[in-house]
N, C-alpha and C. Protein backbone atom coordinates (compact mmCIF):
# COMPACT_ATOMS: atom_id res chain seq x y z
N MET A 1 -60.28 -59.33 10.02
CA MET A 1 -60.49 -57.69 9.65
C MET A 1 -59.72 -57.00 8.63
N TYR A 2 -60.30 -56.49 7.58
CA TYR A 2 -59.65 -55.49 6.62
C TYR A 2 -59.18 -54.30 7.21
N ARG A 3 -57.94 -53.82 7.19
CA ARG A 3 -57.61 -52.56 7.88
C ARG A 3 -58.10 -51.21 7.04
N GLU A 4 -58.34 -51.69 5.70
CA GLU A 4 -58.92 -50.95 4.69
C GLU A 4 -60.21 -50.25 5.29
N GLY A 5 -61.24 -51.02 5.56
CA GLY A 5 -62.61 -51.04 5.58
C GLY A 5 -62.73 -49.96 6.63
N LEU A 6 -64.46 -49.61 6.49
CA LEU A 6 -65.09 -48.78 7.14
C LEU A 6 -64.77 -49.06 8.70
N TRP A 7 -65.32 -50.10 9.52
CA TRP A 7 -65.59 -50.54 10.69
C TRP A 7 -63.77 -50.46 11.25
N TYR A 8 -63.22 -51.00 10.48
CA TYR A 8 -61.50 -50.90 10.95
C TYR A 8 -61.31 -49.32 11.40
N LYS A 9 -61.43 -48.61 10.08
CA LYS A 9 -61.33 -47.03 10.49
C LYS A 9 -61.98 -46.46 11.67
N VAL A 10 -63.45 -46.74 12.01
CA VAL A 10 -64.04 -46.45 12.92
C VAL A 10 -63.61 -46.99 13.87
N LEU A 11 -63.25 -48.14 14.47
CA LEU A 11 -63.13 -48.72 15.50
C LEU A 11 -61.69 -48.50 15.80
N SER A 12 -60.78 -48.44 15.21
CA SER A 12 -59.39 -47.76 15.34
C SER A 12 -59.04 -46.31 15.76
N SER A 13 -60.15 -45.51 15.33
CA SER A 13 -60.26 -43.95 15.36
C SER A 13 -60.61 -44.22 17.04
N ARG A 14 -61.72 -44.73 17.20
CA ARG A 14 -62.35 -44.56 18.71
C ARG A 14 -61.48 -45.55 19.83
N TYR A 15 -60.62 -46.57 19.13
CA TYR A 15 -60.32 -47.23 20.35
C TYR A 15 -58.66 -47.15 20.49
N GLY A 16 -57.77 -46.89 19.52
CA GLY A 16 -56.72 -47.23 18.82
C GLY A 16 -56.37 -48.40 18.18
N ASP A 17 -55.47 -48.60 17.99
CA ASP A 17 -54.90 -49.81 17.29
C ASP A 17 -53.33 -49.85 17.76
N LYS A 18 -52.79 -51.27 17.34
CA LYS A 18 -51.79 -51.78 17.91
C LYS A 18 -50.82 -52.48 17.26
N ARG A 19 -50.08 -52.55 16.01
CA ARG A 19 -49.50 -53.43 14.82
C ARG A 19 -50.70 -53.91 14.29
N GLY A 20 -51.51 -52.89 13.92
CA GLY A 20 -52.64 -53.56 12.92
C GLY A 20 -53.80 -54.27 13.50
N GLN A 21 -54.02 -54.28 14.64
CA GLN A 21 -55.11 -55.03 15.74
C GLN A 21 -56.02 -53.79 16.61
N ILE A 22 -56.91 -53.90 16.90
CA ILE A 22 -57.76 -52.89 17.56
C ILE A 22 -57.56 -53.10 18.87
N LYS A 23 -57.50 -51.99 19.59
CA LYS A 23 -57.35 -52.40 21.13
C LYS A 23 -58.77 -52.43 21.58
N ASP A 24 -58.70 -53.03 22.72
CA ASP A 24 -60.24 -53.00 23.67
C ASP A 24 -60.73 -51.78 24.11
N GLY A 25 -60.01 -50.70 24.25
CA GLY A 25 -60.18 -49.42 24.93
C GLY A 25 -60.47 -49.93 26.42
N GLY A 26 -60.00 -50.47 27.04
CA GLY A 26 -59.81 -50.87 28.27
C GLY A 26 -61.05 -50.66 28.98
N ARG A 27 -61.27 -49.87 30.08
CA ARG A 27 -62.57 -49.97 31.02
C ARG A 27 -63.55 -48.68 30.45
N TYR A 28 -62.98 -48.14 29.09
CA TYR A 28 -63.62 -47.11 28.28
C TYR A 28 -64.32 -47.87 27.04
N GLY A 29 -63.87 -48.94 26.69
CA GLY A 29 -64.32 -49.90 25.40
C GLY A 29 -65.59 -50.57 25.61
N SER A 30 -66.71 -50.64 24.94
CA SER A 30 -67.50 -51.36 24.89
C SER A 30 -67.24 -52.67 25.35
N VAL A 31 -68.48 -53.20 25.87
CA VAL A 31 -68.63 -54.73 26.08
C VAL A 31 -68.36 -56.03 25.16
N TRP A 32 -69.17 -55.36 24.07
CA TRP A 32 -68.80 -56.40 22.65
C TRP A 32 -67.51 -56.53 22.32
N LEU A 33 -66.60 -55.10 22.38
CA LEU A 33 -65.33 -55.01 21.81
C LEU A 33 -64.41 -55.95 22.74
N ARG A 34 -64.67 -55.79 24.00
CA ARG A 34 -63.69 -56.51 25.02
C ARG A 34 -63.81 -57.94 24.75
N GLU A 35 -65.17 -58.33 24.19
CA GLU A 35 -65.30 -59.78 24.04
C GLU A 35 -64.71 -60.39 22.98
N ILE A 36 -64.83 -59.35 21.98
CA ILE A 36 -64.17 -59.85 20.60
C ILE A 36 -62.35 -59.80 20.81
N VAL A 37 -62.12 -59.12 21.40
CA VAL A 37 -60.46 -58.70 21.92
C VAL A 37 -60.19 -60.12 22.63
N LYS A 38 -60.75 -60.57 23.78
CA LYS A 38 -60.65 -62.06 24.41
C LYS A 38 -60.41 -62.91 23.43
N ILE A 39 -61.57 -63.01 22.54
CA ILE A 39 -61.57 -63.98 21.76
C ILE A 39 -60.24 -64.20 20.75
N ARG A 40 -60.10 -62.82 20.18
CA ARG A 40 -58.68 -62.65 19.68
C ARG A 40 -57.62 -63.08 20.49
N GLU A 41 -57.45 -62.76 21.74
CA GLU A 41 -56.37 -63.22 22.86
C GLU A 41 -56.52 -64.23 23.09
N ARG A 42 -57.64 -65.22 22.67
CA ARG A 42 -57.23 -66.43 22.96
C ARG A 42 -57.71 -66.61 24.88
N PHE A 43 -58.56 -65.74 25.23
CA PHE A 43 -58.90 -65.79 27.12
C PHE A 43 -59.93 -66.47 26.69
N GLU A 44 -60.42 -67.15 27.99
CA GLU A 44 -61.53 -67.98 28.06
C GLU A 44 -62.39 -66.97 28.23
N ILE A 45 -63.48 -67.38 27.24
CA ILE A 45 -65.26 -66.46 27.46
C ILE A 45 -66.23 -67.22 27.95
N GLU A 46 -67.12 -66.96 28.43
CA GLU A 46 -68.28 -67.64 29.01
C GLU A 46 -68.98 -68.21 27.33
N GLY A 47 -69.56 -69.20 27.72
CA GLY A 47 -70.20 -69.87 26.63
C GLY A 47 -69.45 -70.37 25.32
N GLY A 48 -68.07 -70.34 25.91
CA GLY A 48 -67.07 -71.05 24.77
C GLY A 48 -66.78 -70.47 23.26
N SER A 49 -66.31 -71.36 22.50
CA SER A 49 -65.38 -70.51 21.59
C SER A 49 -66.68 -70.85 19.78
N TRP A 50 -67.75 -70.53 20.41
CA TRP A 50 -68.62 -70.69 18.73
C TRP A 50 -68.12 -69.92 18.06
N PHE A 51 -68.00 -68.51 18.37
CA PHE A 51 -67.51 -67.76 17.70
C PHE A 51 -66.28 -68.06 16.49
N GLU A 52 -65.15 -68.37 17.67
CA GLU A 52 -64.06 -68.74 16.74
C GLU A 52 -64.24 -70.02 15.69
N GLU A 53 -65.08 -70.92 16.19
CA GLU A 53 -65.23 -71.96 15.72
C GLU A 53 -65.87 -72.14 14.52
N SER A 54 -66.74 -70.77 14.13
CA SER A 54 -67.74 -70.41 12.84
C SER A 54 -67.03 -69.68 12.17
N ILE A 55 -65.71 -69.36 11.89
CA ILE A 55 -65.16 -68.33 11.07
C ILE A 55 -63.74 -69.08 10.69
N GLN A 56 -63.46 -68.78 9.76
CA GLN A 56 -62.10 -69.06 8.53
C GLN A 56 -61.57 -67.56 8.37
N MET A 57 -60.26 -67.95 7.85
CA MET A 57 -59.75 -66.56 7.38
C MET A 57 -59.15 -66.99 5.85
N LYS A 58 -59.28 -66.13 5.32
CA LYS A 58 -58.91 -66.19 3.76
C LYS A 58 -58.01 -65.46 3.33
N ILE A 59 -56.81 -65.70 3.25
CA ILE A 59 -55.29 -65.05 3.17
C ILE A 59 -55.08 -64.55 1.57
N ASP A 60 -55.92 -64.87 0.72
CA ASP A 60 -55.70 -64.54 -0.83
C ASP A 60 -54.19 -64.45 -0.87
N ASN A 61 -53.56 -63.03 -1.16
CA ASN A 61 -52.27 -63.27 -1.67
C ASN A 61 -51.40 -62.60 -0.86
N GLY A 62 -51.98 -62.52 0.91
CA GLY A 62 -51.17 -62.37 2.08
C GLY A 62 -50.62 -61.14 2.16
N ILE A 63 -51.27 -60.06 1.47
CA ILE A 63 -50.49 -58.76 1.72
C ILE A 63 -51.70 -58.10 2.94
N LYS A 64 -53.01 -58.74 3.49
CA LYS A 64 -53.33 -58.08 4.74
C LYS A 64 -53.50 -59.11 5.55
N THR A 65 -52.74 -59.97 5.47
CA THR A 65 -52.54 -61.18 6.81
C THR A 65 -51.24 -61.20 7.32
N PHE A 66 -50.70 -60.84 8.94
CA PHE A 66 -49.88 -61.15 9.70
C PHE A 66 -49.46 -62.23 9.53
N PHE A 67 -48.10 -62.47 9.32
CA PHE A 67 -47.54 -64.02 9.46
C PHE A 67 -47.59 -64.44 10.79
N TRP A 68 -46.92 -63.81 11.64
CA TRP A 68 -47.26 -64.24 13.36
C TRP A 68 -48.26 -64.18 13.74
N SER A 69 -48.96 -62.92 13.98
CA SER A 69 -50.09 -62.81 14.76
C SER A 69 -51.63 -63.08 14.21
N ASP A 70 -51.91 -63.07 12.98
CA ASP A 70 -52.99 -64.00 12.45
C ASP A 70 -53.21 -65.33 12.69
N SER A 71 -54.12 -65.53 12.77
CA SER A 71 -54.67 -67.42 12.38
C SER A 71 -54.77 -67.80 11.27
N TRP A 72 -53.92 -67.72 10.40
CA TRP A 72 -54.02 -67.94 9.18
C TRP A 72 -53.53 -70.04 8.74
N VAL A 73 -53.03 -70.24 9.75
CA VAL A 73 -52.41 -71.65 9.66
C VAL A 73 -53.28 -72.22 10.73
N GLY A 74 -54.11 -73.13 10.80
CA GLY A 74 -54.68 -73.64 12.18
C GLY A 74 -55.58 -72.51 12.93
N ALA A 75 -55.97 -73.12 13.93
CA ALA A 75 -56.57 -72.03 15.03
C ALA A 75 -55.95 -71.01 15.75
N ALA A 76 -54.56 -71.34 16.10
CA ALA A 76 -53.71 -70.42 16.52
C ALA A 76 -52.97 -69.84 15.95
N PRO A 77 -52.65 -68.57 16.50
CA PRO A 77 -51.37 -67.59 15.44
C PRO A 77 -50.14 -68.58 15.47
N LEU A 78 -49.47 -68.10 14.72
CA LEU A 78 -48.02 -69.04 14.89
C LEU A 78 -46.95 -68.58 15.89
N ARG A 79 -47.30 -67.47 16.40
CA ARG A 79 -46.42 -66.60 17.32
C ARG A 79 -46.76 -67.54 18.69
N GLU A 80 -47.78 -68.28 18.79
CA GLU A 80 -48.36 -69.05 19.84
C GLU A 80 -47.90 -70.67 19.75
N ARG A 81 -48.23 -71.27 18.55
CA ARG A 81 -47.85 -72.28 18.37
C ARG A 81 -46.18 -72.70 18.24
N PHE A 82 -45.26 -71.58 18.07
CA PHE A 82 -43.61 -71.58 17.84
C PHE A 82 -43.33 -70.28 18.50
N ARG A 83 -43.74 -70.31 19.68
CA ARG A 83 -43.14 -68.93 20.44
C ARG A 83 -41.49 -69.11 20.39
N ARG A 84 -40.85 -70.10 20.47
CA ARG A 84 -39.70 -69.50 20.60
C ARG A 84 -38.97 -69.50 18.73
N LEU A 85 -39.22 -69.59 18.03
CA LEU A 85 -39.08 -68.90 16.75
C LEU A 85 -39.39 -67.80 16.56
N PHE A 86 -40.73 -67.05 17.15
CA PHE A 86 -41.30 -65.99 16.97
C PHE A 86 -40.40 -65.11 17.87
N HIS A 87 -39.93 -65.45 19.21
CA HIS A 87 -39.06 -64.54 19.77
C HIS A 87 -37.55 -64.65 19.29
N LEU A 88 -37.41 -65.37 18.69
CA LEU A 88 -36.03 -65.25 17.64
C LEU A 88 -36.29 -64.62 16.37
N SER A 89 -37.37 -64.48 15.89
CA SER A 89 -37.55 -63.69 14.62
C SER A 89 -37.07 -62.39 14.68
N VAL A 90 -36.26 -61.55 13.60
CA VAL A 90 -36.24 -60.30 13.40
C VAL A 90 -37.54 -59.75 12.76
N GLN A 91 -38.54 -60.63 11.97
CA GLN A 91 -39.34 -60.26 11.25
C GLN A 91 -40.93 -60.36 11.68
N LYS A 92 -40.96 -59.92 13.28
CA LYS A 92 -42.16 -59.96 13.62
C LYS A 92 -43.77 -59.12 13.05
N ASP A 93 -43.52 -58.20 12.40
CA ASP A 93 -44.67 -57.49 12.26
C ASP A 93 -44.68 -57.67 10.57
N LYS A 94 -44.21 -58.78 10.11
CA LYS A 94 -44.34 -58.67 8.47
C LYS A 94 -45.59 -59.52 8.19
N MET A 95 -46.15 -59.10 7.01
CA MET A 95 -47.23 -59.91 6.45
C MET A 95 -46.66 -61.06 5.85
N VAL A 96 -47.97 -62.10 5.22
CA VAL A 96 -47.22 -63.36 4.82
C VAL A 96 -46.64 -63.48 3.44
N ALA A 97 -47.43 -62.26 2.54
CA ALA A 97 -46.68 -62.01 1.03
C ALA A 97 -45.38 -61.26 1.73
N GLU A 98 -45.10 -60.65 2.66
CA GLU A 98 -43.71 -60.21 2.70
C GLU A 98 -42.72 -61.17 3.07
N MET A 99 -42.78 -61.97 3.99
CA MET A 99 -42.28 -63.00 4.44
C MET A 99 -42.00 -64.32 3.22
N SER A 100 -42.94 -64.23 2.42
CA SER A 100 -43.04 -65.27 1.24
C SER A 100 -41.68 -64.48 0.43
N SER A 101 -41.96 -63.52 -0.02
CA SER A 101 -41.08 -62.57 -0.76
C SER A 101 -39.65 -62.88 -0.51
N LEU A 102 -39.22 -63.22 1.04
CA LEU A 102 -37.95 -62.98 1.64
C LEU A 102 -37.65 -64.49 1.43
N GLY A 103 -38.10 -65.35 1.36
CA GLY A 103 -37.83 -66.65 0.69
C GLY A 103 -37.79 -67.59 2.02
N TRP A 104 -38.48 -68.78 1.49
CA TRP A 104 -38.89 -69.94 2.65
C TRP A 104 -37.66 -70.91 2.36
N GLU A 105 -37.15 -70.92 1.35
CA GLU A 105 -36.04 -72.15 1.12
C GLU A 105 -34.88 -71.98 2.12
N LYS A 106 -34.18 -73.05 2.32
CA LYS A 106 -32.83 -72.68 3.28
C LYS A 106 -32.22 -71.80 2.54
N GLY A 107 -31.66 -70.87 3.67
CA GLY A 107 -30.84 -70.05 3.11
C GLY A 107 -31.71 -68.29 3.16
N GLY A 108 -32.99 -68.63 3.22
CA GLY A 108 -33.74 -67.29 2.69
C GLY A 108 -34.19 -66.87 3.74
N GLU A 109 -34.27 -65.27 4.36
CA GLU A 109 -34.17 -64.51 5.26
C GLU A 109 -35.55 -64.91 6.08
N ALA A 110 -36.62 -65.39 5.02
CA ALA A 110 -38.12 -65.52 6.34
C ALA A 110 -37.22 -66.76 7.04
């Protein structure tokens, strides 16, 4: 979801956001929004994972994709696939482009 888009602005003003992701609104949130958040958070939902299997993320230049929390390499976010590295990282809220600019090579800050 593009954070500059109209729907993001509407939903975040209604339900709030945390680290660039829409909150589910708790018991005051709509049923469909809670289901979408469950998909995002990888909880089991009735009917399987048809939604998740039908979408893919295009990161372009990486300025709108969170390195650790968006699923941009495979089906699961890197924070789930590499939990230990995520907990050790001091760069938890960086975008892919920001991590790339820090350097991937040995000795790089990324």
